């Protein structure tokens, strides 16, 4: 039995990489303390500067905690992921001599083999089964590809994770079945861009082909798509999703990033002319769809009129969920060298202003659900209040959106319950089940 202390930073795609890698080690027990571990596995994020700082802080803290232990009790310290992908082994190894193993995410397929060798294991077989699920019984992430084929001027992902690399359908189907056999009810597809899955495998309509095989799987209650690149949401794909029906969830996570054509053009976004048209296209097929997007404010050259255009756009579209980020100039990206950089103070003011607006929109949207009965998928028990659980309605994605607090008969992790919505706040709901429900 290998005892693992695991930390996975950043996005759900990192979480999947961690689960797949640790699942190949055979008998594994996750332990809550470094002091009890045979291996400390840290999967880092390096997408933007704050993520780099957090990753470095976590790694240095782990080095310190391992260093305090007697030598005979010190676990193997493995650092993986985007921090290694961004800065490379040659840069990090001299800076972090206490780290026993550095794993670059551009060599993801070799992680199991390298980790097994470092631990002295001979029985582990590199692959993706079984996967060490860490999200509880309600949902599981299914990463369908790695890397990115786009060239947004602000983004480091292609340089960190490389070009698009789609995972073959048979492997994904096997992994999906494995997750469902563990009792998972909701599969959440993730990638840098779901809509281009299969292009590198010679498929023009790959996502549609993949979904045709995933949707009928036994035990699947919800199928959610996260990160749909705007240019890939064609009428043909939307028509297919409309006809598919349940278990597809009409939740569209579409990172528009801005609403002003000039800013979108500078960002390198190929749909620069009409984000509004895309929203209208989605709603023409799904009038009641839940929409999520992300916006970057303070991009180089963003004028006050551009920001006003974004505010008007957000106010008119009324997204269910919105993430707003103050632009960060990342070393090596074209945007970092652009003229007309916006002062940090102004960027933060714009972000706060837009989030205040979204708070009012979200509060109004959620208030409309009070008095309704909704299906709530229960993720876990509340850590502080006995009998209270944390769950999600169909329009709430885990780790991204608000939650639904739920209590009453039949409520337990992994359950799908009917709940009467009794309260709403800015981002969360409260629901109750009843004995007759």
Protein backbone atom coordinates (compact mmCIF):
# COMPACT_ATOMS: atom_id res chain seq x y z
CA UNK A 1 0.00 0.00 0.00
CA UNK A 2 1.49 3.32 -1.14
CA UNK A 3 0.54 6.28 1.04
CA UNK A 4 0.16 9.48 -1.02
CA UNK A 5 -0.19 13.07 0.10
CA UNK A 6 -1.53 14.80 -3.00
CA UNK A 7 -2.10 18.42 -3.93
CA UNK A 8 -3.58 19.36 -7.30
CA UNK A 9 -3.52 23.08 -8.08
CA UNK A 10 -5.26 25.00 -10.84
CA UNK A 11 -7.87 23.69 -13.24
CA UNK A 12 -9.86 20.43 -13.33
CA UNK A 13 -7.62 19.22 -16.17
CA UNK A 14 -4.78 19.08 -13.65
CA UNK A 15 -7.04 17.15 -11.29
CA UNK A 16 -7.65 14.55 -13.98
CA UNK A 17 -3.92 14.24 -14.69
CA UNK A 18 -3.33 13.63 -10.98
CA UNK A 19 -6.13 11.06 -10.69
CA UNK A 20 -4.95 9.18 -13.77
CA UNK A 21 -1.32 9.11 -12.65
CA UNK A 22 -1.94 8.03 -9.05
CA UNK A 23 -4.44 5.43 -10.21
CA UNK A 24 -1.67 3.51 -11.99
CA UNK A 25 0.32 2.93 -8.82
CA UNK A 26 -1.78 -0.01 -7.66
CA UNK A 27 -2.92 0.00 -4.04
CA UNK A 28 -2.90 3.65 -2.99
CA UNK A 29 -4.16 5.33 0.15
CA UNK A 30 -4.51 9.11 0.23
CA UNK A 31 -3.30 10.46 3.57
CA UNK A 32 -4.10 13.89 5.04
CA UNK A 33 -0.59 14.66 6.32
CA UNK A 34 2.82 14.85 4.70
CA UNK A 35 4.23 13.17 7.80
CA UNK A 36 2.27 9.98 7.02
CA UNK A 37 3.14 9.78 3.31
CA UNK A 38 5.48 7.64 1.23
CA UNK A 39 5.11 10.15 -1.60
CA UNK A 40 4.16 13.82 -1.84
CA UNK A 41 2.71 14.51 -5.28
CA UNK A 42 2.15 18.16 -6.23
CA UNK A 43 0.55 18.93 -9.58
CA UNK A 44 1.22 22.62 -10.17
CA UNK A 45 -0.38 25.42 -12.17
CA UNK A 46 1.68 27.95 -14.12
CA UNK A 47 -0.91 29.59 -16.37
CA UNK A 48 -0.58 33.12 -14.96
CA UNK A 49 1.77 34.83 -12.52
CA UNK A 50 -0.47 34.46 -9.42
CA UNK A 51 -0.78 30.72 -10.14
CA UNK A 52 3.00 30.46 -10.46
CA UNK A 53 3.42 32.19 -7.11
CA UNK A 54 0.91 29.87 -5.45
CA UNK A 55 2.62 26.80 -6.91
CA UNK A 56 6.04 27.96 -5.73
CA UNK A 57 4.63 28.68 -2.26
CA UNK A 58 3.08 25.20 -2.00
CA UNK A 59 6.25 23.49 -3.22
CA UNK A 60 8.49 25.45 -0.82
CA UNK A 61 6.13 24.74 2.07
CA UNK A 62 6.23 21.03 1.26
CA UNK A 63 10.02 21.09 1.02
CA UNK A 64 10.15 22.69 4.45
CA UNK A 65 7.76 20.13 5.99
CA UNK A 66 9.58 17.17 4.45
CA UNK A 67 12.93 18.59 5.58
CA UNK A 68 11.83 18.58 9.20
CA UNK A 69 11.28 14.83 9.18
CA UNK A 70 13.99 12.28 10.05
CA UNK A 71 15.75 11.15 6.87
CA UNK A 72 14.41 7.60 7.12
CA UNK A 73 10.82 8.94 7.19
CA UNK A 74 11.10 11.48 4.39
CA UNK A 75 8.68 10.80 1.52
CA UNK A 76 9.54 11.05 -2.16
CA UNK A 77 8.74 14.58 -3.30
CA UNK A 78 7.38 14.78 -6.87
CA UNK A 79 6.48 18.07 -8.53
CA UNK A 80 4.52 17.90 -11.78
CA UNK A 81 2.48 19.99 -14.15
CA UNK A 82 2.45 23.45 -15.65
CA UNK A 83 5.16 24.99 -13.47
CA UNK A 84 7.56 22.36 -14.80
CA UNK A 85 6.17 22.73 -18.32
CA UNK A 86 6.60 26.50 -18.25
CA UNK A 87 10.10 26.78 -16.79
CA UNK A 88 11.62 23.41 -17.61
CA UNK A 89 13.71 20.86 -15.79
CA UNK A 90 16.99 22.66 -16.46
CA UNK A 91 15.73 25.81 -14.75
CA UNK A 92 13.89 24.23 -11.83
CA UNK A 93 16.21 21.38 -10.86
CA UNK A 94 19.05 23.66 -9.63
CA UNK A 95 16.54 25.91 -7.87
CA UNK A 96 14.72 23.02 -6.17
CA UNK A 97 17.37 20.39 -5.35
CA UNK A 98 15.17 18.97 -2.60
CA UNK A 99 12.61 17.81 -5.18
CA UNK A 100 13.18 14.17 -6.10
CA UNK A 101 11.19 14.09 -9.34
CA UNK A 102 10.12 16.77 -11.82
CA UNK A 103 7.40 15.81 -14.29
CA UNK A 104 6.82 17.97 -17.37
CA UNK A 105 3.21 17.97 -18.60
CA UNK A 106 4.42 17.71 -22.19
CA UNK A 107 5.53 14.20 -21.20
CA UNK A 108 2.25 13.32 -19.52
CA UNK A 109 2.20 9.78 -20.88
CA UNK A 110 5.49 9.07 -19.08
CA UNK A 111 4.37 10.25 -15.62
CA UNK A 112 3.16 6.84 -14.38
CA UNK A 113 6.33 5.09 -15.49
CA UNK A 114 8.64 7.73 -14.02
CA UNK A 115 6.75 7.95 -10.74
CA UNK A 116 6.61 4.17 -10.40
CA UNK A 117 10.35 3.89 -11.03
CA UNK A 118 11.11 6.62 -8.49
CA UNK A 119 9.03 4.77 -5.89
CA UNK A 120 10.66 1.46 -6.71
CA UNK A 121 7.45 -0.16 -7.86
CA UNK A 122 7.51 -3.00 -10.35
CA UNK A 123 3.83 -3.95 -10.57
CA UNK A 124 2.39 -0.64 -11.76
CA UNK A 125 1.41 -0.54 -15.41
CA UNK A 126 1.32 2.85 -17.15
CA UNK A 127 -2.17 3.70 -18.37
CA UNK A 128 -5.32 5.44 -17.22
CA UNK A 129 -7.11 2.65 -15.31
CA UNK A 130 -8.01 2.51 -12.57
CA UNK A 131 -8.27 6.20 -11.97
CA UNK A 132 -8.05 7.41 -8.38
CA UNK A 133 -11.27 9.44 -8.19
CA UNK A 134 -10.95 12.37 -5.77
CA UNK A 135 -14.16 14.34 -6.36
CA UNK A 136 -16.57 12.17 -4.36
CA UNK A 137 -19.50 10.13 -5.66
CA UNK A 138 -21.50 12.79 -7.49
CA UNK A 139 -19.33 13.88 -10.43
CA UNK A 140 -16.11 13.26 -12.28
CA UNK A 141 -14.10 15.28 -14.76
CA UNK A 142 -13.32 13.69 -18.13
CA UNK A 143 -10.43 15.41 -19.90
CA UNK A 144 -10.78 14.66 -23.60
CA UNK A 145 -7.68 16.39 -24.96
CA UNK A 146 -4.55 18.25 -23.98
CA UNK A 147 -2.76 21.25 -25.45
CA UNK A 148 -4.25 23.95 -27.67
CA UNK A 149 -4.32 24.79 -31.36
CA UNK A 150 -5.26 28.45 -30.90
CA UNK A 151 -2.91 31.42 -30.62
CA UNK A 152 -4.54 33.93 -28.28
CA UNK A 153 -2.07 36.75 -27.72
CA UNK A 154 -2.41 36.70 -23.93
CA UNK A 155 -2.20 32.96 -23.30
CA UNK A 156 0.71 30.76 -22.22
CA UNK A 157 -1.07 27.41 -22.58
CA UNK A 158 0.26 26.39 -26.04
CA UNK A 159 3.83 27.00 -24.88
CA UNK A 160 3.24 25.09 -21.62
CA UNK A 161 1.10 22.17 -22.78
CA UNK A 162 1.95 22.04 -26.46
CA UNK A 163 -0.37 21.62 -29.47
CA UNK A 164 -3.76 19.91 -29.50
CA UNK A 165 -3.54 16.23 -28.58
CA UNK A 166 -6.92 14.46 -28.54
CA UNK A 167 -7.35 11.37 -26.42
CA UNK A 168 -8.74 8.54 -28.57
CA UNK A 169 -12.45 7.82 -28.19
CA UNK A 170 -12.03 4.22 -27.00
CA UNK A 171 -9.88 5.32 -24.08
CA UNK A 172 -12.38 8.02 -23.16
CA UNK A 173 -15.30 5.61 -23.34
CA UNK A 174 -13.49 3.14 -21.12
CA UNK A 175 -12.66 5.84 -18.61
CA UNK A 176 -16.23 7.17 -18.66
CA UNK A 177 -17.59 3.68 -17.98
CA UNK A 178 -15.11 3.27 -15.14
CA UNK A 179 -16.27 6.53 -13.52
CA UNK A 180 -19.94 5.61 -13.89
CA UNK A 181 -19.24 2.20 -12.33
CA UNK A 182 -17.94 4.06 -9.28
CA UNK A 183 -21.40 5.60 -8.91
CA UNK A 184 -20.62 8.94 -10.55
CA UNK A 185 -23.79 10.50 -11.96
CA UNK A 186 -22.40 13.57 -13.73
CA UNK A 187 -19.57 13.57 -16.24
CA UNK A 188 -18.02 16.92 -17.01
CA UNK A 189 -16.01 17.09 -20.23
CA UNK A 190 -13.02 19.43 -20.03
CA UNK A 191 -10.25 20.52 -22.41
CA UNK A 192 -8.66 23.75 -23.57
CA UNK A 193 -11.30 23.68 -26.31
CA UNK A 194 -13.84 20.87 -26.45
CA UNK A 195 -15.09 21.83 -29.91
CA UNK A 196 -11.89 20.83 -31.73
CA UNK A 197 -11.59 17.36 -30.25
CA UNK A 198 -10.50 14.92 -32.95
CA UNK A 199 -9.12 17.48 -35.43
CA UNK A 200 -5.61 16.11 -34.92
CA UNK A 201 -7.03 12.62 -35.45
CA UNK A 202 -8.46 13.58 -38.84
CA UNK A 203 -12.06 14.18 -37.71
CA UNK A 204 -13.95 17.30 -38.75
CA UNK A 205 -16.96 16.81 -36.43
CA UNK A 206 -15.17 14.93 -33.69
CA UNK A 207 -17.02 16.26 -30.65
CA UNK A 208 -20.36 15.30 -32.14
CA UNK A 209 -19.06 11.79 -32.86
CA UNK A 210 -17.70 11.45 -29.32
CA UNK A 211 -20.93 12.67 -27.72
CA UNK A 212 -22.97 10.21 -29.76
CA UNK A 213 -21.05 7.46 -27.98
CA UNK A 214 -20.99 9.00 -24.49
CA UNK A 215 -24.62 10.10 -24.15
CA UNK A 216 -26.18 6.59 -24.14
CA UNK A 217 -23.88 5.23 -21.40
CA UNK A 218 -25.72 3.45 -18.61
CA UNK A 219 -25.88 5.36 -15.33
CA UNK A 220 -25.17 8.77 -16.85
CA UNK A 221 -27.57 11.36 -15.39
CA UNK A 222 -25.85 14.59 -16.42
CA UNK A 223 -23.32 15.34 -19.15
CA UNK A 224 -21.84 18.84 -18.91
CA UNK A 225 -19.50 20.54 -21.39
CA UNK A 226 -16.93 22.98 -20.02
CA UNK A 227 -14.97 25.37 -22.21
CA UNK A 228 -16.59 25.56 -25.60
CA UNK A 229 -14.51 27.81 -27.81
CA UNK A 230 -16.91 30.34 -29.36
CA UNK A 231 -15.85 29.75 -32.97
CA UNK A 232 -16.64 26.04 -32.62
CA UNK A 233 -20.28 26.44 -31.58
CA UNK A 234 -21.71 25.98 -35.05
CA UNK A 235 -25.46 25.72 -35.79
CA UNK A 236 -24.83 22.08 -36.68
CA UNK A 237 -23.38 21.27 -33.26
CA UNK A 238 -26.13 23.20 -31.47
CA UNK A 239 -28.77 21.41 -33.50
CA UNK A 240 -27.25 18.08 -32.52
CA UNK A 241 -27.20 19.01 -28.83
CA UNK A 242 -30.79 20.21 -29.01
CA UNK A 243 -31.90 16.87 -30.46
CA UNK A 244 -29.79 14.91 -27.95
CA UNK A 245 -31.80 16.00 -24.93
CA UNK A 246 -31.09 14.43 -21.54
CA UNK A 247 -28.57 13.63 -20.10
CA UNK A 248 -26.98 16.61 -21.90
CA UNK A 249 -27.22 19.66 -19.67
CA UNK A 250 -28.08 22.92 -21.52
CA UNK A 251 -25.21 24.74 -19.82
CA UNK A 252 -22.80 26.57 -22.08
CA UNK A 253 -19.40 27.60 -20.77
CA UNK A 254 -18.19 29.89 -23.55
CA UNK A 255 -15.15 32.11 -22.76
CA UNK A 256 -15.85 35.23 -24.82
CA UNK A 257 -13.11 37.30 -23.06
CA UNK A 258 -14.45 40.66 -24.32
CA UNK A 259 -17.16 42.38 -26.32
CA UNK A 260 -15.30 45.15 -28.16
CA UNK A 261 -14.17 44.06 -31.67
CA UNK A 262 -10.85 45.95 -31.54
CA UNK A 263 -9.90 44.38 -28.22
CA UNK A 264 -10.96 40.92 -29.37
CA UNK A 265 -8.86 41.35 -32.49
CA UNK A 266 -5.80 42.29 -30.41
CA UNK A 267 -6.47 39.25 -28.26
CA UNK A 268 -6.30 37.05 -31.35
CA UNK A 269 -9.83 35.78 -30.95
CA UNK A 270 -11.11 34.69 -34.41
CA UNK A 271 -14.81 35.49 -33.78
CA UNK A 272 -13.97 39.11 -33.00
CA UNK A 273 -16.85 40.72 -34.80
CA UNK A 274 -19.93 39.50 -32.98
CA UNK A 275 -20.03 37.85 -29.55
CA UNK A 276 -23.65 38.99 -29.33
CA UNK A 277 -24.53 36.96 -32.41
CA UNK A 278 -23.08 33.86 -30.77
CA UNK A 279 -25.22 34.33 -27.65
CA UNK A 280 -28.30 34.78 -29.82
CA UNK A 281 -27.40 31.64 -31.77
CA UNK A 282 -27.18 29.58 -28.58
CA UNK A 283 -30.47 30.96 -27.28
CA UNK A 284 -32.21 30.30 -30.59
CA UNK A 285 -31.68 26.58 -29.91
CA UNK A 286 -31.80 26.74 -26.10
CA UNK A 287 -33.94 29.68 -24.95
CA UNK A 288 -33.54 28.74 -21.27
CA UNK A 289 -29.85 27.80 -21.41
CA UNK A 290 -27.54 28.66 -18.55
CA UNK A 291 -24.65 30.68 -19.94
CA UNK A 292 -21.24 31.12 -18.35
CA UNK A 293 -18.44 33.26 -19.73
CA UNK A 294 -15.16 34.87 -18.70
CA UNK A 295 -14.05 38.42 -19.41
CA UNK A 296 -10.59 39.97 -19.31
CA UNK A 297 -10.56 43.67 -18.43
CA UNK A 298 -7.63 46.02 -18.78
CA UNK A 299 -6.20 44.32 -21.86
CA UNK A 300 -3.54 46.49 -23.57
CA UNK A 301 -5.28 49.22 -25.53
CA UNK A 302 -8.64 48.81 -23.79
CA UNK A 303 -10.20 52.27 -23.68
CA UNK A 304 -12.97 53.48 -21.45
CA UNK A 305 -15.44 53.12 -24.31
CA UNK A 306 -14.36 49.49 -24.76
CA UNK A 307 -15.00 48.80 -21.09
CA UNK A 308 -18.38 50.51 -21.33
CA UNK A 309 -19.22 48.24 -24.25
CA UNK A 310 -18.40 45.19 -22.11
CA UNK A 311 -20.61 46.49 -19.29
CA UNK A 312 -23.49 47.08 -21.68
CA UNK A 313 -23.03 43.60 -23.14
CA UNK A 314 -23.04 41.91 -19.73
CA UNK A 315 -26.06 43.92 -18.62
CA UNK A 316 -28.04 42.98 -21.72
CA UNK A 317 -27.08 39.30 -22.04
CA UNK A 318 -27.42 38.55 -18.29
CA UNK A 319 -25.18 35.53 -17.92
CA UNK A 320 -25.96 33.00 -15.20
CA UNK A 321 -22.26 32.96 -14.30
CA UNK A 322 -19.39 35.30 -15.04
CA UNK A 323 -15.69 35.24 -14.25
CA UNK A 324 -13.85 38.57 -14.57
CA UNK A 325 -10.07 38.76 -14.62
CA UNK A 326 -7.77 41.75 -14.58
CA UNK A 327 -5.30 41.27 -17.43
CA UNK A 328 -1.89 39.93 -16.40
CA UNK A 329 1.03 40.44 -18.80
CA UNK A 330 2.67 37.03 -19.08
CA UNK A 331 6.30 36.74 -20.11
CA UNK A 332 6.71 35.43 -23.65
CA UNK A 333 3.21 36.28 -24.86
CA UNK A 334 2.64 38.86 -27.65
CA UNK A 335 0.22 40.84 -25.45
CA UNK A 336 2.90 41.47 -22.83
CA UNK A 337 4.88 43.49 -25.39
CA UNK A 338 1.91 45.50 -26.69
CA UNK A 339 1.81 49.26 -26.16
CA UNK A 340 -0.89 51.06 -24.14
CA UNK A 341 -0.77 48.80 -21.09
CA UNK A 342 -3.55 49.71 -18.65
CA UNK A 343 -2.48 50.71 -15.10
CA UNK A 344 -3.05 48.02 -12.46
CA UNK A 345 -5.28 50.26 -10.37
CA UNK A 346 -7.56 50.92 -13.33
CA UNK A 347 -7.69 47.23 -14.23
CA UNK A 348 -8.74 46.32 -10.70
CA UNK A 349 -11.41 49.03 -10.63
CA UNK A 350 -12.87 47.75 -13.89
CA UNK A 351 -12.88 44.18 -12.61
CA UNK A 352 -14.60 45.15 -9.35
CA UNK A 353 -17.18 47.26 -11.19
CA UNK A 354 -18.08 44.42 -13.54
CA UNK A 355 -18.31 41.89 -10.71
CA UNK A 356 -20.61 44.21 -8.76
CA UNK A 357 -22.87 44.37 -11.80
CA UNK A 358 -22.79 40.60 -12.17
CA UNK A 359 -23.63 40.16 -8.49
CA UNK A 360 -26.91 42.01 -9.03
CA UNK A 361 -27.67 39.97 -12.16
CA UNK A 362 -26.92 36.69 -10.43
CA UNK A 363 -29.04 37.60 -7.43
CA UNK A 364 -32.02 38.40 -9.66
CA UNK A 365 -31.64 35.18 -11.68
CA UNK A 366 -31.44 33.02 -8.56
CA UNK A 367 -34.35 34.78 -6.87
CA UNK A 368 -36.58 33.57 -9.70
CA UNK A 369 -35.93 29.96 -8.62
CA UNK A 370 -37.37 30.48 -5.13
CA UNK A 371 -40.59 28.51 -4.89
CA UNK A 372 -39.58 26.09 -7.63
CA UNK A 373 -38.67 22.43 -7.23
CA UNK A 374 -35.29 21.54 -8.73
CA UNK A 375 -33.24 18.39 -9.12
CA UNK A 376 -30.17 18.81 -6.93
CA UNK A 377 -27.15 16.53 -7.21
CA UNK A 378 -25.60 16.25 -3.76
CA UNK A 379 -21.81 16.56 -3.78
CA UNK A 380 -20.85 16.31 -0.11
CA UNK A 381 -21.88 16.92 3.49
CA UNK A 382 -21.38 20.41 4.84
CA UNK A 383 -18.27 20.53 6.96
CA UNK A 384 -19.79 22.50 9.85
CA UNK A 385 -23.56 21.96 9.96
CA UNK A 386 -24.82 18.43 10.66
CA UNK A 387 -27.60 17.42 8.27
CA UNK A 388 -26.74 20.13 5.75
CA UNK A 389 -25.27 19.16 2.40
CA UNK A 390 -23.74 20.95 -0.57
CA UNK A 391 -25.21 20.22 -3.98
CA UNK A 392 -25.86 21.68 -7.39
CA UNK A 393 -28.82 22.34 -9.65
CA UNK A 394 -28.39 21.69 -13.37
CA UNK A 395 -27.15 25.23 -14.00
CA UNK A 396 -24.35 25.02 -11.42
CA UNK A 397 -20.99 23.47 -12.31
CA UNK A 398 -18.67 22.30 -9.51
CA UNK A 399 -15.77 24.50 -8.45
CA UNK A 400 -16.86 27.27 -10.84
CA UNK A 401 -20.35 28.41 -9.90
CA UNK A 402 -22.48 28.88 -6.83
CA UNK A 403 -23.98 25.97 -4.92
CA UNK A 404 -27.29 24.78 -3.53
CA UNK A 405 -27.40 24.01 0.19
CA UNK A 406 -29.83 21.18 0.70
CA UNK A 407 -31.17 19.21 3.66
CA UNK A 408 -33.99 16.83 4.44
CA UNK A 409 -34.91 13.18 3.91
CA UNK A 410 -32.91 11.24 1.33
CA UNK A 411 -30.04 13.72 1.18
CA UNK A 412 -26.58 12.14 1.10
CA UNK A 413 -23.46 12.49 -1.09
CA UNK A 414 -24.14 11.16 -4.57
CA UNK A 415 -27.93 11.39 -4.31
CA UNK A 416 -30.06 13.20 -6.89
CA UNK A 417 -32.97 14.72 -4.96
CA UNK A 418 -35.99 16.91 -5.61
CA UNK A 419 -35.62 20.04 -3.51
CA UNK A 420 -38.00 22.92 -2.93
CA UNK A 421 -35.96 26.11 -3.24
CA UNK A 422 -36.66 28.27 -0.21
CA UNK A 423 -33.95 30.95 -0.30
CA UNK A 424 -31.56 32.66 -2.70
CA UNK A 425 -28.50 34.81 -2.13
CA UNK A 426 -26.17 36.49 -4.59
CA UNK A 427 -24.63 33.25 -5.83
CA UNK A 428 -26.21 30.37 -3.85
CA UNK A 429 -29.56 28.67 -3.25
CA UNK A 430 -31.09 26.86 -0.29
CA UNK A 431 -33.41 23.89 -0.76
CA UNK A 432 -35.35 21.34 1.30
CA UNK A 433 -36.54 17.86 0.48
CA UNK A 434 -39.64 16.40 2.11
CA UNK A 435 -40.76 12.95 3.12
CA UNK A 436 -43.48 12.94 0.47
CA UNK A 437 -41.24 14.20 -2.33
